[in-house]
Amino acid sequence: MLREQRLAYCKQCLKRSFRTDKGIVCSLTGEHATFDVSCADYEEDSDLVAKNKERNRILEEKELNSETWGLSSIGIKNLVVVGVIFLVLSIVAQAVLFFSFGLISLYPIIVFALAIATIVKGVSRNKEKKKKKQGDILDDQLLN
C-alpha cells in the first residue's frame, strides 16, 4: 500500500499526530503508518468525517450551481435541459432585439455559444453516467 493510501486512513484517525519533520504520523509510534491492508489501532474521528462529508456536499452543490447557471437552486440539475433553456432564451433575446430595434447584440450570441457548450457537456456527462451504471451492473453480476 502506498503512503498516500495510508494517509487517507490516518487523516481520519483519532490517533493521528503531526511532526514537522515527518508530517502526519501515528501518535502510538511517532512514525509513518506501515500497515498493508488495515490498521489494527484505527479509531475513526467521526466529527472530522462528518465535517468532511458536509464540506464535500457544499462544494458539490456550489459546483453544480455554477455549471447549471444557478438553475439547480430551483431543481433543474440536468445540463442538457439547462443548455436548451439558455439556447432558447438567447434566440428569443436576439430576435426581440433584432425585430424591435434592428440590433444584433453580441450578448445573446455569447449565451448561445455557452448554451451549446453546456448541452455538449451534459450529453458527455450522461454518457459517462450510463457507462458507470453499466459497469456497476456488471460488477453486481460478478458478485452474485
C-alpha atoms as a PDB file:
ATOM      1  CA  MET A   1       0.000   0.000   0.000  1.00  0.00           C
ATOM      2  CA  LEU A   2       1.329   3.453  -0.883  1.00  0.00           C
ATOM      3  CA  ARG A   3       1.851   6.244   1.649  1.00  0.00           C
ATOM      4  CA  GLU A   4      -0.957   8.294   0.048  1.00  0.00           C
ATOM      5  CA  GLN A   5      -3.384   5.396   0.561  1.00  0.00           C
ATOM      6  CA  ARG A   6      -2.325   5.001   4.199  1.00  0.00           C
ATOM      7  CA  LEU A   7      -2.691   8.751   4.722  1.00  0.00           C
ATOM      8  CA  ALA A   8      -6.338   8.534   3.642  1.00  0.00           C
ATOM      9  CA  TYR A   9      -6.888   6.362   6.735  1.00  0.00           C
ATOM     10  CA  CYS A  10      -4.522   8.229   9.038  1.00  0.00           C
ATOM     11  CA  LYS A  11      -6.067  11.638   8.316  1.00  0.00           C
ATOM     12  CA  GLN A  12      -9.374  10.355   9.696  1.00  0.00           C
ATOM     13  CA  CYS A  13      -7.948   8.500  12.726  1.00  0.00           C
ATOM     14  CA  LEU A  14      -8.191   9.783  16.288  1.00  0.00           C
ATOM     15  CA  LYS A  15      -4.644   8.546  16.903  1.00  0.00           C
ATOM     16  CA  ARG A  16      -3.067  10.734  14.244  1.00  0.00           C
ATOM     17  CA  SER A  17      -0.372  13.186  15.167  1.00  0.00           C
ATOM     18  CA  PHE A  18       1.801  15.662  13.321  1.00  0.00           C
ATOM     19  CA  ARG A  19       5.554  16.065  13.346  1.00  0.00           C
ATOM     20  CA  THR A  20       7.183  18.931  11.499  1.00  0.00           C
ATOM     21  CA  ASP A  21       9.948  16.678  10.204  1.00  0.00           C
ATOM     22  CA  LYS A  22       7.659  13.803   9.049  1.00  0.00           C
ATOM     23  CA  GLY A  23       4.151  15.185   8.642  1.00  0.00           C
ATOM     24  CA  ILE A  24       1.202  13.037   9.711  1.00  0.00           C
ATOM     25  CA  VAL A  25       2.324  10.131  11.896  1.00  0.00           C
ATOM     26  CA  CYS A  26       0.761   7.658  14.331  1.00  0.00           C
ATOM     27  CA  SER A  27       0.620   9.014  17.882  1.00  0.00           C
ATOM     28  CA  LEU A  28       1.313   5.498  19.187  1.00  0.00           C
ATOM     29  CA  THR A  29       4.615   5.023  17.331  1.00  0.00           C
ATOM     30  CA  GLY A  30       5.568   8.535  16.262  1.00  0.00           C
ATOM     31  CA  GLU A  31       6.297   7.105  12.785  1.00  0.00           C
ATOM     32  CA  HIS A  32       4.587   6.872   9.399  1.00  0.00           C
ATOM     33  CA  ALA A  33       1.972   4.134   9.091  1.00  0.00           C
ATOM     34  CA  THR A  34       3.282   0.761   7.908  1.00  0.00           C
ATOM     35  CA  PHE A  35       0.110  -1.348   7.684  1.00  0.00           C
ATOM     36  CA  ASP A  36      -0.655  -3.180   4.438  1.00  0.00           C
ATOM     37  CA  VAL A  37      -4.441  -3.586   4.402  1.00  0.00           C
ATOM     38  CA  SER A  38      -5.849  -2.018   7.544  1.00  0.00           C
ATOM     39  CA  CYS A  39      -4.596  -0.678  10.854  1.00  0.00           C
ATOM     40  CA  ALA A  40      -5.466  -2.659  13.996  1.00  0.00           C
ATOM     41  CA  ASP A  41      -5.322   0.535  16.089  1.00  0.00           C
ATOM     42  CA  TYR A  42      -7.525   2.629  13.769  1.00  0.00           C
ATOM     43  CA  GLU A  43     -10.195   4.690  15.501  1.00  0.00           C
ATOM     44  CA  GLU A  44     -12.338   6.865  13.241  1.00  0.00           C
ATOM     45  CA  ASP A  45     -12.631  10.550  14.082  1.00  0.00           C
ATOM     46  CA  SER A  46     -16.388  10.727  13.458  1.00  0.00           C
ATOM     47  CA  ASP A  47     -16.510  14.519  13.900  1.00  0.00           C
ATOM     48  CA  LEU A  48     -13.868  15.020  11.212  1.00  0.00           C
ATOM     49  CA  VAL A  49     -15.532  12.523   8.865  1.00  0.00           C
ATOM     50  CA  ALA A  50     -18.877  14.326   9.293  1.00  0.00           C
ATOM     51  CA  LYS A  51     -17.238  17.717   8.649  1.00  0.00           C
ATOM     52  CA  ASN A  52     -15.527  16.367   5.516  1.00  0.00           C
ATOM     53  CA  LYS A  53     -18.801  14.926   4.194  1.00  0.00           C
ATOM     54  CA  GLU A  54     -20.574  18.244   4.772  1.00  0.00           C
ATOM     55  CA  ARG A  55     -17.722  20.203   3.167  1.00  0.00           C
ATOM     56  CA  ASN A  56     -17.758  17.899   0.120  1.00  0.00           C
ATOM     57  CA  ARG A  57     -21.555  18.209  -0.161  1.00  0.00           C
ATOM     58  CA  ILE A  58     -21.319  22.007  -0.108  1.00  0.00           C
ATOM     59  CA  LEU A  59     -18.522  22.010  -2.705  1.00  0.00           C
ATOM     60  CA  GLU A  60     -20.510  19.688  -4.995  1.00  0.00           C
ATOM     61  CA  GLU A  61     -23.583  21.880  -4.572  1.00  0.00           C
ATOM     62  CA  LYS A  62     -21.614  25.026  -5.464  1.00  0.00           C
ATOM     63  CA  GLU A  63     -20.082  23.317  -8.499  1.00  0.00           C
ATOM     64  CA  LEU A  64     -23.477  22.119  -9.701  1.00  0.00           C
ATOM     65  CA  ASN A  65     -24.970  25.577  -9.156  1.00  0.00           C
ATOM     66  CA  SER A  66     -22.153  27.081 -11.209  1.00  0.00           C
ATOM     67  CA  GLU A  67     -22.478  24.504 -14.001  1.00  0.00           C
ATOM     68  CA  THR A  68     -26.242  24.943 -14.247  1.00  0.00           C
ATOM     69  CA  TRP A  69     -26.026  28.746 -14.281  1.00  0.00           C
ATOM     70  CA  GLY A  70     -27.920  28.877 -10.976  1.00  0.00           C
ATOM     71  CA  LEU A  71     -30.866  26.760 -12.138  1.00  0.00           C
ATOM     72  CA  SER A  72     -30.004  23.901  -9.772  1.00  0.00           C
ATOM     73  CA  SER A  73     -31.318  26.079  -6.951  1.00  0.00           C
ATOM     74  CA  ILE A  74     -34.808  25.679  -8.433  1.00  0.00           C
ATOM     75  CA  GLY A  75     -34.354  21.967  -9.137  1.00  0.00           C
ATOM     76  CA  ILE A  76     -33.039  21.927 -12.712  1.00  0.00           C
ATOM     77  CA  LYS A  77     -29.865  19.843 -12.477  1.00  0.00           C
ATOM     78  CA  ASN A  78     -29.638  18.265 -15.932  1.00  0.00           C
ATOM     79  CA  LEU A  79     -27.067  20.160 -18.025  1.00  0.00           C
ATOM     80  CA  VAL A  80     -28.816  19.303 -21.299  1.00  0.00           C
ATOM     81  CA  VAL A  81     -32.049  20.894 -20.039  1.00  0.00           C
ATOM     82  CA  VAL A  82     -30.127  23.936 -18.778  1.00  0.00           C
ATOM     83  CA  GLY A  83     -28.399  24.301 -22.145  1.00  0.00           C
ATOM     84  CA  VAL A  84     -31.675  24.064 -24.057  1.00  0.00           C
ATOM     85  CA  ILE A  85     -33.297  26.681 -21.789  1.00  0.00           C
ATOM     86  CA  PHE A  86     -30.473  29.156 -22.376  1.00  0.00           C
ATOM     87  CA  LEU A  87     -30.330  28.305 -26.072  1.00  0.00           C
ATOM     88  CA  VAL A  88     -33.995  29.232 -26.441  1.00  0.00           C
ATOM     89  CA  LEU A  89     -33.572  32.353 -24.299  1.00  0.00           C
ATOM     90  CA  SER A  90     -30.631  33.544 -26.399  1.00  0.00           C
ATOM     91  CA  ILE A  91     -32.561  33.041 -29.640  1.00  0.00           C
ATOM     92  CA  VAL A  92     -35.606  34.853 -28.249  1.00  0.00           C
ATOM     93  CA  ALA A  93     -33.444  37.715 -26.923  1.00  0.00           C
ATOM     94  CA  GLN A  94     -31.683  38.123 -30.276  1.00  0.00           C
ATOM     95  CA  ALA A  95     -34.995  38.019 -32.148  1.00  0.00           C
ATOM     96  CA  VAL A  96     -36.552  40.654 -29.871  1.00  0.00           C
ATOM     97  CA  LEU A  97     -33.529  42.922 -30.222  1.00  0.00           C
ATOM     98  CA  PHE A  98     -33.408  42.497 -33.985  1.00  0.00           C
ATOM     99  CA  PHE A  99     -37.106  42.840 -34.759  1.00  0.00           C
ATOM    100  CA  SER A 100     -37.813  45.566 -32.198  1.00  0.00           C
ATOM    101  CA  PHE A 101     -34.718  47.739 -32.554  1.00  0.00           C
ATOM    102  CA  GLY A 102     -32.916  46.440 -35.624  1.00  0.00           C
ATOM    103  CA  LEU A 103     -29.913  45.487 -33.446  1.00  0.00           C
ATOM    104  CA  ILE A 104     -27.708  42.449 -33.434  1.00  0.00           C
ATOM    105  CA  SER A 105     -26.226  42.084 -29.961  1.00  0.00           C
ATOM    106  CA  LEU A 106     -23.132  40.120 -29.039  1.00  0.00           C
ATOM    107  CA  TYR A 107     -24.518  39.055 -25.641  1.00  0.00           C
ATOM    108  CA  PRO A 108     -27.181  36.617 -26.949  1.00  0.00           C
ATOM    109  CA  ILE A 109     -24.603  35.171 -29.356  1.00  0.00           C
ATOM    110  CA  ILE A 110     -22.226  34.504 -26.447  1.00  0.00           C
ATOM    111  CA  VAL A 111     -25.058  32.959 -24.403  1.00  0.00           C
ATOM    112  CA  PHE A 112     -25.955  30.822 -27.449  1.00  0.00           C
ATOM    113  CA  ALA A 113     -22.368  29.504 -27.671  1.00  0.00           C
ATOM    114  CA  LEU A 114     -22.246  28.810 -23.927  1.00  0.00           C
ATOM    115  CA  ALA A 115     -25.607  27.032 -24.142  1.00  0.00           C
ATOM    116  CA  ILE A 116     -24.279  24.761 -26.909  1.00  0.00           C
ATOM    117  CA  ALA A 117     -21.182  24.018 -24.774  1.00  0.00           C
ATOM    118  CA  THR A 118     -23.430  23.210 -21.800  1.00  0.00           C
ATOM    119  CA  ILE A 119     -25.523  20.827 -23.902  1.00  0.00           C
ATOM    120  CA  VAL A 120     -22.386  19.048 -25.153  1.00  0.00           C
ATOM    121  CA  LYS A 121     -21.053  18.777 -21.609  1.00  0.00           C
ATOM    122  CA  GLY A 122     -24.410  17.440 -20.401  1.00  0.00           C
ATOM    123  CA  VAL A 123     -24.565  14.797 -23.141  1.00  0.00           C
ATOM    124  CA  SER A 124     -20.996  13.758 -22.346  1.00  0.00           C
ATOM    125  CA  ARG A 125     -21.745  13.535 -18.617  1.00  0.00           C
ATOM    126  CA  ASN A 126     -24.905  11.493 -19.292  1.00  0.00           C
ATOM    127  CA  LYS A 127     -22.867   9.025 -21.371  1.00  0.00           C
ATOM    128  CA  GLU A 128     -20.325   8.711 -18.534  1.00  0.00           C
ATOM    129  CA  LYS A 129     -23.104   8.044 -16.016  1.00  0.00           C
ATOM    130  CA  LYS A 130     -24.592   5.414 -18.310  1.00  0.00           C
ATOM    131  CA  LYS A 131     -21.218   3.667 -18.691  1.00  0.00           C
ATOM    132  CA  LYS A 132     -20.665   3.769 -14.936  1.00  0.00           C
ATOM    133  CA  LYS A 133     -24.136   2.315 -14.339  1.00  0.00           C
ATOM    134  CA  GLN A 134     -23.414  -0.496 -16.806  1.00  0.00           C
ATOM    135  CA  GLY A 135     -20.080  -1.144 -15.045  1.00  0.00           C
ATOM    136  CA  ASP A 136     -21.869  -1.300 -11.692  1.00  0.00           C
ATOM    137  CA  ILE A 137     -24.380  -3.784 -13.104  1.00  0.00           C
ATOM    138  CA  LEU A 138     -21.547  -5.977 -14.393  1.00  0.00           C
ATOM    139  CA  ASP A 139     -19.791  -5.792 -11.022  1.00  0.00           C
ATOM    140  CA  ASP A 140     -23.025  -6.808  -9.278  1.00  0.00           C
ATOM    141  CA  GLN A 141     -23.390  -9.762 -11.641  1.00  0.00           C
ATOM    142  CA  LEU A 142     -19.860 -10.887 -10.806  1.00  0.00           C
ATOM    143  CA  LEU A 143     -20.599 -10.788  -7.080  1.00  0.00           C
ATOM    144  CA  ASN A 144     -23.692 -12.990  -7.436  1.00  0.00           C
END
